[in-house]
Amino acid sequence: MADTTQSINRLVGDRIAEFRRSRKWSHAELACRLQVAPETVHRLECGTSTPSLQMLENLAAALDVSISDLIVERPAALDDQAVQISAWLSALEAADQTLVTGVIQQLCERMRERRDKH
């Protein structure tokens, strides 16, 4: 049981670190957004501390991701791309986010159609 808890803590910690780094935030910047000490962020990322459900909710809100994004392992390449796109979108106003996601959707549909023709 202890090994399972440690591996879950490690996974969550790695995910927190990935999302934080993709936003180019320091431990202190994320800690400020969470209203905790930077050491708390460090312990979470190292997997030495188990986040409570409330902390997971706070982390998800601060990082603008879902809780499942923090606890589910995904292929690294796709995840890195998704995190980068999410960071770009988060810097935009809501109307601009809608516009950009619509354009991306149209591009993906065209590329799928092109692929299916060949």
N, C-alpha and C. Protein backbone atom coordinates (compact mmCIF):
# COMPACT_ATOMS: atom_id res chain seq x y z
N MET A 1 0.82 -1.19 0.00
CA MET A 1 0.00 0.00 0.00
C MET A 1 0.86 1.26 0.00
N ALA A 2 1.95 1.24 0.78
CA ALA A 2 2.83 2.40 0.84
C ALA A 2 3.47 2.68 -0.51
N ASP A 3 3.84 1.60 -1.23
CA ASP A 3 4.43 1.78 -2.56
C ASP A 3 3.44 2.41 -3.52
N THR A 4 2.17 2.00 -3.45
CA THR A 4 1.14 2.56 -4.32
C THR A 4 0.95 4.04 -4.02
N THR A 5 0.88 4.39 -2.74
CA THR A 5 0.73 5.80 -2.36
C THR A 5 1.91 6.62 -2.83
N GLN A 6 3.11 6.08 -2.67
CA GLN A 6 4.31 6.80 -3.13
C GLN A 6 4.29 7.00 -4.63
N SER A 7 3.90 5.98 -5.39
CA SER A 7 3.89 6.13 -6.84
C SER A 7 2.81 7.10 -7.29
N ILE A 8 1.67 7.12 -6.61
CA ILE A 8 0.62 8.10 -6.93
C ILE A 8 1.11 9.51 -6.60
N ASN A 9 1.72 9.67 -5.43
CA ASN A 9 2.27 10.98 -5.07
C ASN A 9 3.30 11.45 -6.08
N ARG A 10 4.13 10.53 -6.55
CA ARG A 10 5.17 10.85 -7.53
C ARG A 10 4.53 11.28 -8.85
N LEU A 11 3.51 10.55 -9.30
CA LEU A 11 2.81 10.89 -10.54
C LEU A 11 2.18 12.28 -10.44
N VAL A 12 1.46 12.52 -9.35
CA VAL A 12 0.81 13.82 -9.16
C VAL A 12 1.87 14.92 -9.08
N GLY A 13 2.94 14.65 -8.37
CA GLY A 13 4.02 15.63 -8.25
C GLY A 13 4.64 15.95 -9.60
N ASP A 14 4.87 14.93 -10.40
CA ASP A 14 5.43 15.15 -11.74
C ASP A 14 4.48 15.98 -12.60
N ARG A 15 3.19 15.70 -12.50
CA ARG A 15 2.20 16.44 -13.29
C ARG A 15 2.14 17.90 -12.86
N ILE A 16 2.17 18.14 -11.56
CA ILE A 16 2.17 19.52 -11.05
C ILE A 16 3.39 20.26 -11.60
N ALA A 17 4.55 19.64 -11.51
CA ALA A 17 5.79 20.26 -11.97
C ALA A 17 5.72 20.55 -13.48
N GLU A 18 5.19 19.60 -14.26
CA GLU A 18 5.08 19.81 -15.70
C GLU A 18 4.21 21.01 -16.02
N PHE A 19 3.04 21.07 -15.39
CA PHE A 19 2.14 22.19 -15.65
C PHE A 19 2.75 23.51 -15.18
N ARG A 20 3.40 23.49 -14.02
CA ARG A 20 4.03 24.72 -13.51
C ARG A 20 5.11 25.19 -14.46
N ARG A 21 5.98 24.28 -14.89
CA ARG A 21 7.08 24.65 -15.79
C ARG A 21 6.57 25.13 -17.14
N SER A 22 5.51 24.51 -17.64
CA SER A 22 4.98 24.92 -18.94
C SER A 22 4.48 26.36 -18.91
N ARG A 23 4.14 26.82 -17.72
CA ARG A 23 3.70 28.21 -17.57
C ARG A 23 4.85 29.14 -17.19
N LYS A 24 6.03 28.52 -17.05
CA LYS A 24 7.24 29.25 -16.68
C LYS A 24 7.10 29.93 -15.32
N TRP A 25 6.44 29.22 -14.39
CA TRP A 25 6.26 29.71 -13.03
C TRP A 25 7.30 29.06 -12.12
N SER A 26 7.75 29.82 -11.15
CA SER A 26 8.62 29.26 -10.11
C SER A 26 7.75 28.60 -9.04
N HIS A 27 8.43 27.89 -8.12
CA HIS A 27 7.69 27.33 -6.98
C HIS A 27 6.97 28.46 -6.24
N ALA A 28 7.67 29.58 -6.09
CA ALA A 28 7.11 30.71 -5.35
C ALA A 28 5.87 31.29 -6.04
N GLU A 29 5.88 31.34 -7.37
CA GLU A 29 4.73 31.88 -8.09
C GLU A 29 3.50 30.98 -7.92
N LEU A 30 3.69 29.67 -8.04
CA LEU A 30 2.57 28.77 -7.84
C LEU A 30 2.12 28.82 -6.38
N ALA A 31 3.07 28.86 -5.47
CA ALA A 31 2.73 28.93 -4.04
C ALA A 31 1.90 30.17 -3.73
N CYS A 32 2.24 31.28 -4.33
CA CYS A 32 1.50 32.52 -4.13
C CYS A 32 0.06 32.36 -4.61
N ARG A 33 -0.11 31.74 -5.77
CA ARG A 33 -1.46 31.51 -6.32
C ARG A 33 -2.27 30.56 -5.43
N LEU A 34 -1.58 29.65 -4.77
CA LEU A 34 -2.25 28.69 -3.88
C LEU A 34 -2.36 29.20 -2.45
N GLN A 35 -1.66 30.28 -2.15
CA GLN A 35 -1.58 30.85 -0.80
C GLN A 35 -1.00 29.84 0.18
N VAL A 36 0.11 29.22 -0.24
CA VAL A 36 0.87 28.30 0.60
C VAL A 36 2.35 28.68 0.51
N ALA A 37 3.16 28.05 1.32
CA ALA A 37 4.60 28.29 1.28
C ALA A 37 5.21 27.59 0.06
N PRO A 38 6.27 28.17 -0.52
CA PRO A 38 6.94 27.51 -1.65
C PRO A 38 7.40 26.09 -1.31
N GLU A 39 7.74 25.85 -0.05
CA GLU A 39 8.16 24.51 0.37
C GLU A 39 7.04 23.49 0.19
N THR A 40 5.80 23.95 0.34
CA THR A 40 4.65 23.06 0.14
C THR A 40 4.59 22.59 -1.31
N VAL A 41 4.79 23.52 -2.23
CA VAL A 41 4.80 23.17 -3.66
C VAL A 41 5.95 22.20 -3.93
N HIS A 42 7.10 22.48 -3.35
CA HIS A 42 8.26 21.60 -3.54
C HIS A 42 7.97 20.18 -3.04
N ARG A 43 7.38 20.07 -1.85
CA ARG A 43 7.06 18.74 -1.28
C ARG A 43 6.03 18.01 -2.15
N LEU A 44 5.05 18.74 -2.67
CA LEU A 44 4.06 18.11 -3.55
C LEU A 44 4.71 17.60 -4.82
N GLU A 45 5.57 18.42 -5.42
CA GLU A 45 6.23 18.02 -6.66
C GLU A 45 7.20 16.86 -6.45
N CYS A 46 7.83 16.80 -5.31
CA CYS A 46 8.76 15.70 -5.01
C CYS A 46 8.03 14.42 -4.63
N GLY A 47 6.74 14.53 -4.36
CA GLY A 47 5.97 13.36 -3.99
C GLY A 47 6.11 12.98 -2.53
N THR A 48 6.68 13.87 -1.72
CA THR A 48 6.84 13.58 -0.30
C THR A 48 5.61 14.00 0.51
N SER A 49 4.68 14.69 -0.14
CA SER A 49 3.46 15.12 0.53
C SER A 49 2.27 14.68 -0.32
N THR A 50 1.24 14.17 0.32
CA THR A 50 0.03 13.75 -0.38
C THR A 50 -0.96 14.91 -0.38
N PRO A 51 -1.35 15.38 -1.57
CA PRO A 51 -2.30 16.50 -1.61
C PRO A 51 -3.71 16.06 -1.20
N SER A 52 -4.36 16.90 -0.44
CA SER A 52 -5.76 16.65 -0.08
C SER A 52 -6.63 16.91 -1.32
N LEU A 53 -7.87 16.52 -1.26
CA LEU A 53 -8.79 16.81 -2.36
C LEU A 53 -8.91 18.31 -2.54
N GLN A 54 -8.96 19.06 -1.45
CA GLN A 54 -9.05 20.52 -1.54
C GLN A 54 -7.80 21.09 -2.22
N MET A 55 -6.62 20.54 -1.89
CA MET A 55 -5.39 21.01 -2.53
C MET A 55 -5.40 20.68 -4.02
N LEU A 56 -5.89 19.48 -4.38
CA LEU A 56 -6.00 19.13 -5.80
C LEU A 56 -6.93 20.10 -6.53
N GLU A 57 -8.04 20.45 -5.90
CA GLU A 57 -8.96 21.42 -6.50
C GLU A 57 -8.28 22.78 -6.66
N ASN A 58 -7.55 23.20 -5.65
CA ASN A 58 -6.85 24.49 -5.71
C ASN A 58 -5.76 24.48 -6.78
N LEU A 59 -5.02 23.37 -6.85
CA LEU A 59 -3.97 23.24 -7.87
C LEU A 59 -4.57 23.29 -9.27
N ALA A 60 -5.65 22.53 -9.47
CA ALA A 60 -6.30 22.50 -10.78
C ALA A 60 -6.77 23.90 -11.17
N ALA A 61 -7.36 24.61 -10.24
CA ALA A 61 -7.83 25.97 -10.53
C ALA A 61 -6.66 26.91 -10.83
N ALA A 62 -5.62 26.83 -10.03
CA ALA A 62 -4.46 27.71 -10.24
C ALA A 62 -3.77 27.43 -11.57
N LEU A 63 -3.68 26.16 -11.93
CA LEU A 63 -2.99 25.77 -13.17
C LEU A 63 -3.92 25.77 -14.38
N ASP A 64 -5.21 26.01 -14.14
CA ASP A 64 -6.23 26.02 -15.19
C ASP A 64 -6.29 24.69 -15.93
N VAL A 65 -6.34 23.61 -15.15
CA VAL A 65 -6.46 22.25 -15.67
C VAL A 65 -7.54 21.55 -14.85
N SER A 66 -7.89 20.35 -15.26
CA SER A 66 -8.85 19.57 -14.46
C SER A 66 -8.08 18.74 -13.43
N ILE A 67 -8.80 18.27 -12.43
CA ILE A 67 -8.17 17.40 -11.44
C ILE A 67 -7.65 16.14 -12.13
N SER A 68 -8.40 15.63 -13.09
CA SER A 68 -7.94 14.42 -13.78
C SER A 68 -6.63 14.67 -14.52
N ASP A 69 -6.41 15.90 -15.00
CA ASP A 69 -5.13 16.22 -15.63
C ASP A 69 -3.97 16.05 -14.65
N LEU A 70 -4.25 16.24 -13.37
CA LEU A 70 -3.21 16.13 -12.35
C LEU A 70 -2.96 14.70 -11.90
N ILE A 71 -3.94 13.83 -12.09
CA ILE A 71 -3.80 12.48 -11.53
C ILE A 71 -3.75 11.37 -12.56
N VAL A 72 -3.93 11.70 -13.84
CA VAL A 72 -3.93 10.67 -14.88
C VAL A 72 -2.68 10.84 -15.74
N GLU A 73 -1.97 9.74 -15.91
CA GLU A 73 -0.77 9.76 -16.74
C GLU A 73 -1.17 9.74 -18.22
N ARG A 74 -0.54 10.58 -19.02
CA ARG A 74 -0.81 10.65 -20.45
C ARG A 74 0.50 10.55 -21.21
N PRO A 75 0.43 10.20 -22.50
CA PRO A 75 1.66 10.18 -23.30
C PRO A 75 2.33 11.56 -23.26
N ALA A 76 3.60 11.58 -23.01
CA ALA A 76 4.32 12.84 -22.80
C ALA A 76 4.22 13.80 -23.98
N ALA A 77 4.39 13.32 -25.20
CA ALA A 77 4.39 14.22 -26.35
C ALA A 77 3.05 14.92 -26.50
N LEU A 78 1.96 14.17 -26.41
CA LEU A 78 0.64 14.78 -26.52
C LEU A 78 0.38 15.72 -25.35
N ASP A 79 0.79 15.30 -24.18
CA ASP A 79 0.58 16.12 -23.00
C ASP A 79 1.35 17.44 -23.11
N ASP A 80 2.60 17.38 -23.56
CA ASP A 80 3.39 18.60 -23.70
C ASP A 80 2.73 19.57 -24.67
N GLN A 81 2.21 19.04 -25.77
CA GLN A 81 1.53 19.89 -26.75
C GLN A 81 0.26 20.49 -26.15
N ALA A 82 -0.51 19.68 -25.47
CA ALA A 82 -1.75 20.16 -24.86
C ALA A 82 -1.48 21.22 -23.80
N VAL A 83 -0.46 21.01 -23.01
CA VAL A 83 -0.10 21.98 -21.98
C VAL A 83 0.33 23.30 -22.62
N GLN A 84 1.12 23.21 -23.68
CA GLN A 84 1.58 24.43 -24.35
C GLN A 84 0.40 25.19 -24.95
N ILE A 85 -0.49 24.48 -25.64
CA ILE A 85 -1.66 25.13 -26.23
C ILE A 85 -2.54 25.73 -25.13
N SER A 86 -2.72 25.00 -24.04
CA SER A 86 -3.51 25.50 -22.92
C SER A 86 -2.90 26.78 -22.35
N ALA A 87 -1.59 26.82 -22.24
CA ALA A 87 -0.93 28.02 -21.72
C ALA A 87 -1.14 29.21 -22.66
N TRP A 88 -1.04 28.96 -23.96
CA TRP A 88 -1.28 30.04 -24.92
C TRP A 88 -2.71 30.55 -24.81
N LEU A 89 -3.65 29.61 -24.74
CA LEU A 89 -5.06 30.00 -24.67
C LEU A 89 -5.39 30.75 -23.38
N SER A 90 -4.78 30.34 -22.29
CA SER A 90 -5.09 30.96 -21.00
C SER A 90 -4.70 32.43 -20.96
N ALA A 91 -3.80 32.84 -21.85
CA ALA A 91 -3.38 34.24 -21.89
C ALA A 91 -4.35 35.10 -22.70
N LEU A 92 -5.35 34.48 -23.32
CA LEU A 92 -6.30 35.21 -24.16
C LEU A 92 -7.61 35.45 -23.44
N GLU A 93 -8.35 36.43 -23.94
CA GLU A 93 -9.70 36.67 -23.43
C GLU A 93 -10.62 35.56 -23.94
N ALA A 94 -11.76 35.37 -23.30
CA ALA A 94 -12.68 34.27 -23.62
C ALA A 94 -13.09 34.25 -25.09
N ALA A 95 -13.42 35.40 -25.64
CA ALA A 95 -13.85 35.45 -27.05
C ALA A 95 -12.71 35.02 -27.97
N ASP A 96 -11.50 35.44 -27.65
CA ASP A 96 -10.34 35.05 -28.47
C ASP A 96 -10.04 33.56 -28.32
N GLN A 97 -10.23 33.02 -27.11
CA GLN A 97 -10.05 31.58 -26.90
C GLN A 97 -11.01 30.79 -27.79
N THR A 98 -12.25 31.25 -27.85
CA THR A 98 -13.26 30.59 -28.68
C THR A 98 -12.87 30.64 -30.15
N LEU A 99 -12.41 31.78 -30.59
CA LEU A 99 -11.98 31.94 -31.98
C LEU A 99 -10.83 30.99 -32.31
N VAL A 100 -9.81 30.98 -31.46
CA VAL A 100 -8.63 30.15 -31.71
C VAL A 100 -8.99 28.67 -31.69
N THR A 101 -9.78 28.25 -30.73
CA THR A 101 -10.14 26.82 -30.68
C THR A 101 -10.98 26.43 -31.89
N GLY A 102 -11.82 27.35 -32.37
CA GLY A 102 -12.59 27.08 -33.58
C GLY A 102 -11.70 26.91 -34.80
N VAL A 103 -10.69 27.75 -34.92
CA VAL A 103 -9.75 27.64 -36.03
C VAL A 103 -8.98 26.32 -35.95
N ILE A 104 -8.54 25.96 -34.76
CA ILE A 104 -7.81 24.71 -34.58
C ILE A 104 -8.70 23.53 -34.96
N GLN A 105 -9.95 23.57 -34.54
CA GLN A 105 -10.88 22.48 -34.87
C GLN A 105 -11.05 22.36 -36.38
N GLN A 106 -11.23 23.49 -37.07
CA GLN A 106 -11.38 23.46 -38.52
C GLN A 106 -10.13 22.91 -39.20
N LEU A 107 -8.97 23.33 -38.74
CA LEU A 107 -7.73 22.82 -39.32
C LEU A 107 -7.61 21.30 -39.13
N CYS A 108 -7.93 20.83 -37.96
CA CYS A 108 -7.86 19.38 -37.69
C CYS A 108 -8.83 18.61 -38.58
N GLU A 109 -10.03 19.14 -38.74
CA GLU A 109 -11.01 18.48 -39.60
C GLU A 109 -10.52 18.42 -41.05
N ARG A 110 -9.96 19.51 -41.55
CA ARG A 110 -9.42 19.52 -42.92
C ARG A 110 -8.28 18.54 -43.09
N MET A 111 -7.41 18.49 -42.12
CA MET A 111 -6.28 17.57 -42.20
C MET A 111 -6.73 16.12 -42.15
N ARG A 112 -7.75 15.82 -41.32
CA ARG A 112 -8.30 14.46 -41.29
C ARG A 112 -8.93 14.10 -42.63
N GLU A 113 -9.67 15.05 -43.22
CA GLU A 113 -10.28 14.81 -44.52
C GLU A 113 -9.20 14.55 -45.58
N ARG A 114 -8.15 15.34 -45.56
CA ARG A 114 -7.05 15.18 -46.51
C ARG A 114 -6.39 13.81 -46.32
N ARG A 115 -6.17 13.44 -45.08
CA ARG A 115 -5.56 12.14 -44.79
C ARG A 115 -6.45 11.01 -45.28
N ASP A 116 -7.76 11.12 -45.05
CA ASP A 116 -8.69 10.07 -45.43
C ASP A 116 -8.79 9.91 -46.95
N LYS A 117 -8.55 10.97 -47.69
CA LYS A 117 -8.59 10.91 -49.16
C LYS A 117 -7.40 10.17 -49.73
N HIS A 118 -6.30 10.15 -48.99
CA HIS A 118 -5.07 9.51 -49.50
C HIS A 118 -4.93 8.12 -49.05
